[in-house]
Amino acid sequence: MGEAKILVGSRGSVEEYVLQLIVEFNRGVNKVVLTAFNDNMCKLADIYASLKERLGDRVSIESGSTGTRRERGRRRLYLEITVIYKPV
């Protein structure tokens, strides 16, 4: 059992991130922290919705947070959720 962290960016598609999550779950990871900044926050919501559609009640959100971080003098909005996987 373990925990993985994935940063959602603009280059990968929703399907690629869902596949990456499923691979992590198959490796034995039961908790994944997903983080997205600015425009990618909507993509993070789409990733979770697609994952929930595929795995159903075996996945759920343990916690979530939003806020801002200062990087190089700029304020960046972020969304972070922790997804839990419960195998059957």
PDB file of N, CA and C in Angstrom:
ATOM      1  N   MET A   1       0.845  -1.167   0.000  1.00  0.00           N
ATOM      2  CA  MET A   1       0.000   0.000   0.000  1.00  0.00           C
ATOM      3  C   MET A   1       0.890   1.229   0.000  1.00  0.00           C
ATOM      4  N   GLY A   2       0.456   2.233  -0.676  1.00  0.00           N
ATOM      5  CA  GLY A   2       1.259   3.424  -0.725  1.00  0.00           C
ATOM      6  C   GLY A   2       0.461   4.602  -1.229  1.00  0.00           C
ATOM      7  N   GLU A   3       1.201   5.656  -1.491  1.00  0.00           N
ATOM      8  CA  GLU A   3       0.595   6.886  -1.969  1.00  0.00           C
ATOM      9  C   GLU A   3       1.413   7.408  -3.136  1.00  0.00           C
ATOM     10  N   ALA A   4       0.714   7.887  -4.163  1.00  0.00           N
ATOM     11  CA  ALA A   4       1.373   8.465  -5.322  1.00  0.00           C
ATOM     12  C   ALA A   4       0.867   9.888  -5.508  1.00  0.00           C
ATOM     13  N   LYS A   5       1.665  10.705  -6.179  1.00  0.00           N
ATOM     14  CA  LYS A   5       1.279  12.086  -6.474  1.00  0.00           C
ATOM     15  C   LYS A   5       1.359  12.290  -7.977  1.00  0.00           C
ATOM     16  N   ILE A   6       0.321  12.914  -8.520  1.00  0.00           N
ATOM     17  CA  ILE A   6       0.275  13.189  -9.958  1.00  0.00           C
ATOM     18  C   ILE A   6      -0.084  14.655 -10.142  1.00  0.00           C
ATOM     19  N   LEU A   7       0.718  15.345 -10.934  1.00  0.00           N
ATOM     20  CA  LEU A   7       0.462  16.741 -11.281  1.00  0.00           C
ATOM     21  C   LEU A   7      -0.213  16.765 -12.645  1.00  0.00           C
ATOM     22  N   VAL A   8      -1.413  17.296 -12.701  1.00  0.00           N
ATOM     23  CA  VAL A   8      -2.181  17.349 -13.938  1.00  0.00           C
ATOM     24  C   VAL A   8      -1.735  18.573 -14.731  1.00  0.00           C
ATOM     25  N   GLY A   9      -1.282  18.325 -15.948  1.00  0.00           N
ATOM     26  CA  GLY A   9      -0.818  19.408 -16.810  1.00  0.00           C
ATOM     27  C   GLY A   9      -1.639  19.502 -18.074  1.00  0.00           C
ATOM     28  N   SER A  10      -1.258  20.400 -18.942  1.00  0.00           N
ATOM     29  CA  SER A  10      -2.031  20.627 -20.164  1.00  0.00           C
ATOM     30  C   SER A  10      -1.658  19.669 -21.291  1.00  0.00           C
ATOM     31  N   ARG A  11      -0.554  18.989 -21.186  1.00  0.00           N
ATOM     32  CA  ARG A  11      -0.100  18.145 -22.297  1.00  0.00           C
ATOM     33  C   ARG A  11      -0.824  16.808 -22.379  1.00  0.00           C
ATOM     34  N   GLY A  12      -1.121  16.197 -21.252  1.00  0.00           N
ATOM     35  CA  GLY A  12      -1.770  14.893 -21.271  1.00  0.00           C
ATOM     36  C   GLY A  12      -3.274  15.005 -21.417  1.00  0.00           C
ATOM     37  N   SER A  13      -3.875  13.980 -22.012  1.00  0.00           N
ATOM     38  CA  SER A  13      -5.327  13.960 -22.158  1.00  0.00           C
ATOM     39  C   SER A  13      -5.957  13.350 -20.906  1.00  0.00           C
ATOM     40  N   VAL A  14      -7.252  13.512 -20.782  1.00  0.00           N
ATOM     41  CA  VAL A  14      -7.983  12.949 -19.647  1.00  0.00           C
ATOM     42  C   VAL A  14      -7.803  11.431 -19.626  1.00  0.00           C
ATOM     43  N   GLU A  15      -7.899  10.792 -20.784  1.00  0.00           N
ATOM     44  CA  GLU A  15      -7.768   9.339 -20.869  1.00  0.00           C
ATOM     45  C   GLU A  15      -6.388   8.864 -20.426  1.00  0.00           C
ATOM     46  N   GLU A  16      -5.352   9.628 -20.771  1.00  0.00           N
ATOM     47  CA  GLU A  16      -3.994   9.251 -20.355  1.00  0.00           C
ATOM     48  C   GLU A  16      -3.846   9.311 -18.842  1.00  0.00           C
ATOM     49  N   TYR A  17      -4.422  10.327 -18.224  1.00  0.00           N
ATOM     50  CA  TYR A  17      -4.342  10.435 -16.770  1.00  0.00           C
ATOM     51  C   TYR A  17      -5.149   9.334 -16.082  1.00  0.00           C
ATOM     52  N   VAL A  18      -6.318   8.998 -16.637  1.00  0.00           N
ATOM     53  CA  VAL A  18      -7.124   7.914 -16.064  1.00  0.00           C
ATOM     54  C   VAL A  18      -6.357   6.602 -16.162  1.00  0.00           C
ATOM     55  N   LEU A  19      -5.732   6.348 -17.288  1.00  0.00           N
ATOM     56  CA  LEU A  19      -4.923   5.141 -17.445  1.00  0.00           C
ATOM     57  C   LEU A  19      -3.767   5.126 -16.451  1.00  0.00           C
ATOM     58  N   GLN A  20      -3.122   6.267 -16.256  1.00  0.00           N
ATOM     59  CA  GLN A  20      -2.023   6.360 -15.292  1.00  0.00           C
ATOM     60  C   GLN A  20      -2.518   6.043 -13.876  1.00  0.00           C
ATOM     61  N   LEU A  21      -3.700   6.519 -13.529  1.00  0.00           N
ATOM     62  CA  LEU A  21      -4.270   6.219 -12.216  1.00  0.00           C
ATOM     63  C   LEU A  21      -4.566   4.734 -12.068  1.00  0.00           C
ATOM     64  N   ILE A  22      -5.152   4.128 -13.080  1.00  0.00           N
ATOM     65  CA  ILE A  22      -5.472   2.702 -13.013  1.00  0.00           C
ATOM     66  C   ILE A  22      -4.200   1.867 -12.893  1.00  0.00           C
ATOM     67  N   VAL A  23      -3.147   2.253 -13.599  1.00  0.00           N
ATOM     68  CA  VAL A  23      -1.864   1.555 -13.489  1.00  0.00           C
ATOM     69  C   VAL A  23      -1.323   1.664 -12.062  1.00  0.00           C
ATOM     70  N   GLU A  24      -1.411   2.848 -11.468  1.00  0.00           N
ATOM     71  CA  GLU A  24      -0.954   3.015 -10.079  1.00  0.00           C
ATOM     72  C   GLU A  24      -1.752   2.120  -9.126  1.00  0.00           C
ATOM     73  N   PHE A  25      -3.065   2.058  -9.328  1.00  0.00           N
ATOM     74  CA  PHE A  25      -3.898   1.213  -8.482  1.00  0.00           C
ATOM     75  C   PHE A  25      -3.543  -0.260  -8.655  1.00  0.00           C
ATOM     76  N   ASN A  26      -3.218  -0.675  -9.869  1.00  0.00           N
ATOM     77  CA  ASN A  26      -2.824  -2.068 -10.118  1.00  0.00           C
ATOM     78  C   ASN A  26      -1.470  -2.396  -9.511  1.00  0.00           C
ATOM     79  N   ARG A  27      -0.640  -1.400  -9.303  1.00  0.00           N
ATOM     80  CA  ARG A  27       0.667  -1.598  -8.659  1.00  0.00           C
ATOM     81  C   ARG A  27       0.544  -1.761  -7.149  1.00  0.00           C
ATOM     82  N   GLY A  28      -0.641  -1.508  -6.615  1.00  0.00           N
ATOM     83  CA  GLY A  28      -0.837  -1.657  -5.178  1.00  0.00           C
ATOM     84  C   GLY A  28      -1.005  -0.347  -4.435  1.00  0.00           C
ATOM     85  N   VAL A  29      -0.940   0.757  -5.149  1.00  0.00           N
ATOM     86  CA  VAL A  29      -1.149   2.060  -4.524  1.00  0.00           C
ATOM     87  C   VAL A  29      -2.636   2.210  -4.249  1.00  0.00           C
ATOM     88  N   ASN A  30      -3.000   2.634  -3.041  1.00  0.00           N
ATOM     89  CA  ASN A  30      -4.420   2.793  -2.739  1.00  0.00           C
ATOM     90  C   ASN A  30      -4.826   4.247  -2.537  1.00  0.00           C
ATOM     91  N   LYS A  31      -3.867   5.164  -2.614  1.00  0.00           N
ATOM     92  CA  LYS A  31      -4.165   6.581  -2.429  1.00  0.00           C
ATOM     93  C   LYS A  31      -3.330   7.397  -3.415  1.00  0.00           C
ATOM     94  N   VAL A  32      -4.007   8.273  -4.179  1.00  0.00           N
ATOM     95  CA  VAL A  32      -3.314   9.116  -5.144  1.00  0.00           C
ATOM     96  C   VAL A  32      -3.736  10.559  -4.921  1.00  0.00           C
ATOM     97  N   VAL A  33      -2.747  11.445  -4.816  1.00  0.00           N
ATOM     98  CA  VAL A  33      -2.998  12.877  -4.670  1.00  0.00           C
ATOM     99  C   VAL A  33      -2.860  13.513  -6.048  1.00  0.00           C
ATOM    100  N   LEU A  34      -3.950  14.110  -6.533  1.00  0.00           N
ATOM    101  CA  LEU A  34      -3.958  14.784  -7.829  1.00  0.00           C
ATOM    102  C   LEU A  34      -3.960  16.284  -7.601  1.00  0.00           C
ATOM    103  N   THR A  35      -3.062  16.996  -8.272  1.00  0.00           N
ATOM    104  CA  THR A  35      -2.964  18.444  -8.139  1.00  0.00           C
ATOM    105  C   THR A  35      -3.021  19.081  -9.522  1.00  0.00           C
ATOM    106  N   ALA A  36      -3.801  20.161  -9.626  1.00  0.00           N
ATOM    107  CA  ALA A  36      -3.900  20.902 -10.884  1.00  0.00           C
ATOM    108  C   ALA A  36      -3.874  22.394 -10.583  1.00  0.00           C
ATOM    109  N   PHE A  37      -3.266  23.162 -11.468  1.00  0.00           N
ATOM    110  CA  PHE A  37      -3.174  24.612 -11.325  1.00  0.00           C
ATOM    111  C   PHE A  37      -3.970  25.307 -12.422  1.00  0.00           C
ATOM    112  N   ASN A  38      -4.537  26.445 -12.085  1.00  0.00           N
ATOM    113  CA  ASN A  38      -5.209  27.361 -13.009  1.00  0.00           C
ATOM    114  C   ASN A  38      -6.183  26.667 -13.960  1.00  0.00           C
ATOM    115  N   ASP A  39      -5.934  26.717 -15.257  1.00  0.00           N
ATOM    116  CA  ASP A  39      -6.866  26.197 -16.257  1.00  0.00           C
ATOM    117  C   ASP A  39      -7.030  24.680 -16.205  1.00  0.00           C
ATOM    118  N   ASN A  40      -6.115  23.974 -15.596  1.00  0.00           N
ATOM    119  CA  ASN A  40      -6.184  22.511 -15.557  1.00  0.00           C
ATOM    120  C   ASN A  40      -7.081  21.982 -14.446  1.00  0.00           C
ATOM    121  N   MET A  41      -7.662  22.873 -13.648  1.00  0.00           N
ATOM    122  CA  MET A  41      -8.553  22.422 -12.578  1.00  0.00           C
ATOM    123  C   MET A  41      -9.797  21.751 -13.163  1.00  0.00           C
ATOM    124  N   CYS A  42     -10.296  22.230 -14.278  1.00  0.00           N
ATOM    125  CA  CYS A  42     -11.451  21.603 -14.941  1.00  0.00           C
ATOM    126  C   CYS A  42     -11.077  20.213 -15.447  1.00  0.00           C
ATOM    127  N   LYS A  43      -9.850  20.081 -15.944  1.00  0.00           N
ATOM    128  CA  LYS A  43      -9.396  18.776 -16.410  1.00  0.00           C
ATOM    129  C   LYS A  43      -9.327  17.787 -15.254  1.00  0.00           C
ATOM    130  N   LEU A  44      -8.927  18.251 -14.086  1.00  0.00           N
ATOM    131  CA  LEU A  44      -8.872  17.385 -12.911  1.00  0.00           C
ATOM    132  C   LEU A  44     -10.262  16.853 -12.571  1.00  0.00           C
ATOM    133  N   ALA A  45     -11.267  17.707 -12.648  1.00  0.00           N
ATOM    134  CA  ALA A  45     -12.646  17.267 -12.400  1.00  0.00           C
ATOM    135  C   ALA A  45     -13.075  16.235 -13.446  1.00  0.00           C
ATOM    136  N   ASP A  46     -12.702  16.435 -14.699  1.00  0.00           N
ATOM    137  CA  ASP A  46     -13.031  15.478 -15.759  1.00  0.00           C
ATOM    138  C   ASP A  46     -12.334  14.137 -15.537  1.00  0.00           C
ATOM    139  N   ILE A  47     -11.105  14.182 -15.063  1.00  0.00           N
ATOM    140  CA  ILE A  47     -10.347  12.953 -14.790  1.00  0.00           C
ATOM    141  C   ILE A  47     -11.054  12.142 -13.711  1.00  0.00           C
ATOM    142  N   TYR A  48     -11.448  12.801 -12.628  1.00  0.00           N
ATOM    143  CA  TYR A  48     -12.120  12.073 -11.557  1.00  0.00           C
ATOM    144  C   TYR A  48     -13.467  11.528 -12.038  1.00  0.00           C
ATOM    145  N   ALA A  49     -14.223  12.294 -12.805  1.00  0.00           N
ATOM    146  CA  ALA A  49     -15.519  11.834 -13.306  1.00  0.00           C
ATOM    147  C   ALA A  49     -15.348  10.612 -14.209  1.00  0.00           C
ATOM    148  N   SER A  50     -14.342  10.631 -15.067  1.00  0.00           N
ATOM    149  CA  SER A  50     -14.082   9.497 -15.953  1.00  0.00           C
ATOM    150  C   SER A  50     -13.625   8.277 -15.162  1.00  0.00           C
ATOM    151  N   LEU A  51     -12.780   8.492 -14.159  1.00  0.00           N
ATOM    152  CA  LEU A  51     -12.320   7.394 -13.305  1.00  0.00           C
ATOM    153  C   LEU A  51     -13.488   6.781 -12.542  1.00  0.00           C
ATOM    154  N   LYS A  52     -14.358   7.616 -12.020  1.00  0.00           N
ATOM    155  CA  LYS A  52     -15.538   7.153 -11.280  1.00  0.00           C
ATOM    156  C   LYS A  52     -16.465   6.368 -12.202  1.00  0.00           C
ATOM    157  N   GLU A  53     -16.577   6.794 -13.453  1.00  0.00           N
ATOM    158  CA  GLU A  53     -17.407   6.096 -14.430  1.00  0.00           C
ATOM    159  C   GLU A  53     -16.869   4.700 -14.706  1.00  0.00           C
ATOM    160  N   ARG A  54     -15.554   4.569 -14.742  1.00  0.00           N
ATOM    161  CA  ARG A  54     -14.936   3.266 -15.038  1.00  0.00           C
ATOM    162  C   ARG A  54     -14.896   2.340 -13.830  1.00  0.00           C
ATOM    163  N   LEU A  55     -14.560   2.878 -12.652  1.00  0.00           N
ATOM    164  CA  LEU A  55     -14.355   2.022 -11.480  1.00  0.00           C
ATOM    165  C   LEU A  55     -15.509   2.051 -10.485  1.00  0.00           C
ATOM    166  N   GLY A  56     -16.458   2.938 -10.664  1.00  0.00           N
ATOM    167  CA  GLY A  56     -17.644   2.975  -9.812  1.00  0.00           C
ATOM    168  C   GLY A  56     -17.342   3.284  -8.359  1.00  0.00           C
ATOM    169  N   ASP A  57     -17.969   2.519  -7.466  1.00  0.00           N
ATOM    170  CA  ASP A  57     -17.853   2.769  -6.029  1.00  0.00           C
ATOM    171  C   ASP A  57     -16.513   2.362  -5.436  1.00  0.00           C
ATOM    172  N   ARG A  58     -15.635   1.800  -6.242  1.00  0.00           N
ATOM    173  CA  ARG A  58     -14.314   1.415  -5.729  1.00  0.00           C
ATOM    174  C   ARG A  58     -13.393   2.612  -5.536  1.00  0.00           C
ATOM    175  N   VAL A  59     -13.747   3.771  -6.107  1.00  0.00           N
ATOM    176  CA  VAL A  59     -12.962   4.985  -5.899  1.00  0.00           C
ATOM    177  C   VAL A  59     -13.815   6.045  -5.234  1.00  0.00           C
ATOM    178  N   SER A  60     -13.173   6.843  -4.404  1.00  0.00           N
ATOM    179  CA  SER A  60     -13.860   7.959  -3.751  1.00  0.00           C
ATOM    180  C   SER A  60     -12.829   9.029  -3.412  1.00  0.00           C
ATOM    181  N   ILE A  61     -13.328  10.223  -3.118  1.00  0.00           N
ATOM    182  CA  ILE A  61     -12.452  11.326  -2.733  1.00  0.00           C
ATOM    183  C   ILE A  61     -12.343  11.341  -1.216  1.00  0.00           C
ATOM    184  N   GLU A  62     -11.122  11.214  -0.715  1.00  0.00           N
ATOM    185  CA  GLU A  62     -10.887  11.251   0.731  1.00  0.00           C
ATOM    186  C   GLU A  62     -10.869  12.693   1.227  1.00  0.00           C
ATOM    187  N   SER A  63     -10.186  13.551   0.479  1.00  0.00           N
ATOM    188  CA  SER A  63     -10.110  14.955   0.881  1.00  0.00           C
ATOM    189  C   SER A  63      -9.834  15.815  -0.346  1.00  0.00           C
ATOM    190  N   GLY A  64     -10.091  17.080  -0.194  1.00  0.00           N
ATOM    191  CA  GLY A  64      -9.843  18.021  -1.275  1.00  0.00           C
ATOM    192  C   GLY A  64      -9.524  19.387  -0.704  1.00  0.00           C
ATOM    193  N   SER A  65      -8.779  20.169  -1.456  1.00  0.00           N
ATOM    194  CA  SER A  65      -8.468  21.525  -1.012  1.00  0.00           C
ATOM    195  C   SER A  65      -8.249  22.418  -2.223  1.00  0.00           C
ATOM    196  N   THR A  66      -8.523  23.685  -2.025  1.00  0.00           N
ATOM    197  CA  THR A  66      -8.267  24.692  -3.048  1.00  0.00           C
ATOM    198  C   THR A  66      -7.539  25.848  -2.395  1.00  0.00           C
ATOM    199  N   GLY A  67      -6.906  26.646  -3.193  1.00  0.00           N
ATOM    200  CA  GLY A  67      -6.213  27.803  -2.643  1.00  0.00           C
ATOM    201  C   GLY A  67      -5.324  28.446  -3.677  1.00  0.00           C
ATOM    202  N   THR A  68      -4.389  29.224  -3.180  1.00  0.00           N
ATOM    203  CA  THR A  68      -3.422  29.888  -4.045  1.00  0.00           C
ATOM    204  C   THR A  68      -2.018  29.646  -3.526  1.00  0.00           C
ATOM    205  N   ARG A  69      -1.087  29.635  -4.434  1.00  0.00           N
ATOM    206  CA  ARG A  69       0.338  29.528  -4.088  1.00  0.00           C
ATOM    207  C   ARG A  69       1.071  30.635  -4.828  1.00  0.00           C
ATOM    208  N   ARG A  70       2.062  31.175  -4.186  1.00  0.00           N
ATOM    209  CA  ARG A  70       2.902  32.196  -4.823  1.00  0.00           C
ATOM    210  C   ARG A  70       4.128  31.531  -5.408  1.00  0.00           C
ATOM    211  N   GLU A  71       4.304  31.729  -6.703  1.00  0.00           N
ATOM    212  CA  GLU A  71       5.482  31.205  -7.385  1.00  0.00           C
ATOM    213  C   GLU A  71       6.018  32.273  -8.312  1.00  0.00           C
ATOM    214  N   ARG A  72       7.257  32.635  -8.136  1.00  0.00           N
ATOM    215  CA  ARG A  72       7.916  33.653  -8.956  1.00  0.00           C
ATOM    216  C   ARG A  72       7.120  34.945  -9.008  1.00  0.00           C
ATOM    217  N   GLY A  73       6.568  35.342  -7.879  1.00  0.00           N
ATOM    218  CA  GLY A  73       5.850  36.592  -7.798  1.00  0.00           C
ATOM    219  C   GLY A  73       4.424  36.562  -8.318  1.00  0.00           C
ATOM    220  N   ARG A  74       3.984  35.403  -8.778  1.00  0.00           N
ATOM    221  CA  ARG A  74       2.625  35.274  -9.299  1.00  0.00           C
ATOM    222  C   ARG A  74       1.801  34.388  -8.379  1.00  0.00           C
ATOM    223  N   ARG A  75       0.523  34.677  -8.371  1.00  0.00           N
ATOM    224  CA  ARG A  75      -0.399  33.868  -7.599  1.00  0.00           C
ATOM    225  C   ARG A  75      -0.999  32.813  -8.517  1.00  0.00           C
ATOM    226  N   ARG A  76      -0.938  31.544  -8.108  1.00  0.00           N
ATOM    227  CA  ARG A  76      -1.488  30.447  -8.904  1.00  0.00           C
ATOM    228  C   ARG A  76      -2.571  29.736  -8.113  1.00  0.00           C
ATOM    229  N   LEU A  77      -3.740  29.604  -8.706  1.00  0.00           N
ATOM    230  CA  LEU A  77      -4.824  28.861  -8.090  1.00  0.00           C
ATOM    231  C   LEU A  77      -4.542  27.374  -8.222  1.00  0.00           C
ATOM    232  N   TYR A  78      -4.942  26.583  -7.226  1.00  0.00           N
ATOM    233  CA  TYR A  78      -4.770  25.140  -7.342  1.00  0.00           C
ATOM    234  C   TYR A  78      -5.966  24.405  -6.772  1.00  0.00           C
ATOM    235  N   LEU A  79      -6.150  23.195  -7.255  1.00  0.00           N
ATOM    236  CA  LEU A  79      -7.133  22.254  -6.745  1.00  0.00           C
ATOM    237  C   LEU A  79      -6.390  20.956  -6.499  1.00  0.00           C
ATOM    238  N   GLU A  80      -6.577  20.397  -5.319  1.00  0.00           N
ATOM    239  CA  GLU A  80      -5.898  19.159  -4.967  1.00  0.00           C
ATOM    240  C   GLU A  80      -6.916  18.207  -4.354  1.00  0.00           C
ATOM    241  N   ILE A  81      -6.991  16.990  -4.891  1.00  0.00           N
ATOM    242  CA  ILE A  81      -7.870  15.980  -4.316  1.00  0.00           C
ATOM    243  C   ILE A  81      -7.074  14.711  -4.043  1.00  0.00           C
ATOM    244  N   THR A  82      -7.482  14.001  -3.019  1.00  0.00           N
ATOM    245  CA  THR A  82      -6.894  12.709  -2.683  1.00  0.00           C
ATOM    246  C   THR A  82      -7.926  11.646  -3.008  1.00  0.00           C
ATOM    247  N   VAL A  83      -7.578  10.764  -3.947  1.00  0.00           N
ATOM    248  CA  VAL A  83      -8.472   9.711  -4.403  1.00  0.00           C
ATOM    249  C   VAL A  83      -8.055   8.404  -3.739  1.00  0.00           C
ATOM    250  N   ILE A  84      -9.041   7.713  -3.165  1.00  0.00           N
ATOM    251  CA  ILE A  84      -8.821   6.437  -2.499  1.00  0.00           C
ATOM    252  C   ILE A  84      -9.388   5.316  -3.375  1.00  0.00           C
ATOM    253  N   TYR A  85      -8.642   4.221  -3.484  1.00  0.00           N
ATOM    254  CA  TYR A  85      -9.099   3.058  -4.227  1.00  0.00           C
ATOM    255  C   TYR A  85      -9.297   1.908  -3.263  1.00  0.00           C
ATOM    256  N   LYS A  86     -10.475   1.295  -3.329  1.00  0.00           N
ATOM    257  CA  LYS A  86     -10.794   0.127  -2.487  1.00  0.00           C
ATOM    258  C   LYS A  86     -11.058  -1.051  -3.399  1.00  0.00           C
ATOM    259  N   PRO A  87     -10.073  -1.947  -3.577  1.00  0.00           N
ATOM    260  CA  PRO A  87     -10.288  -3.089  -4.459  1.00  0.00           C
ATOM    261  C   PRO A  87     -11.367  -4.020  -3.907  1.00  0.00           C
ATOM    262  N   VAL A  88     -11.983  -4.751  -4.814  1.00  0.00           N
ATOM    263  CA  VAL A  88     -13.073  -5.654  -4.419  1.00  0.00           C
ATOM    264  C   VAL A  88     -12.536  -6.854  -3.691  1.00  0.00           C
TER     265      VAL A  88
END
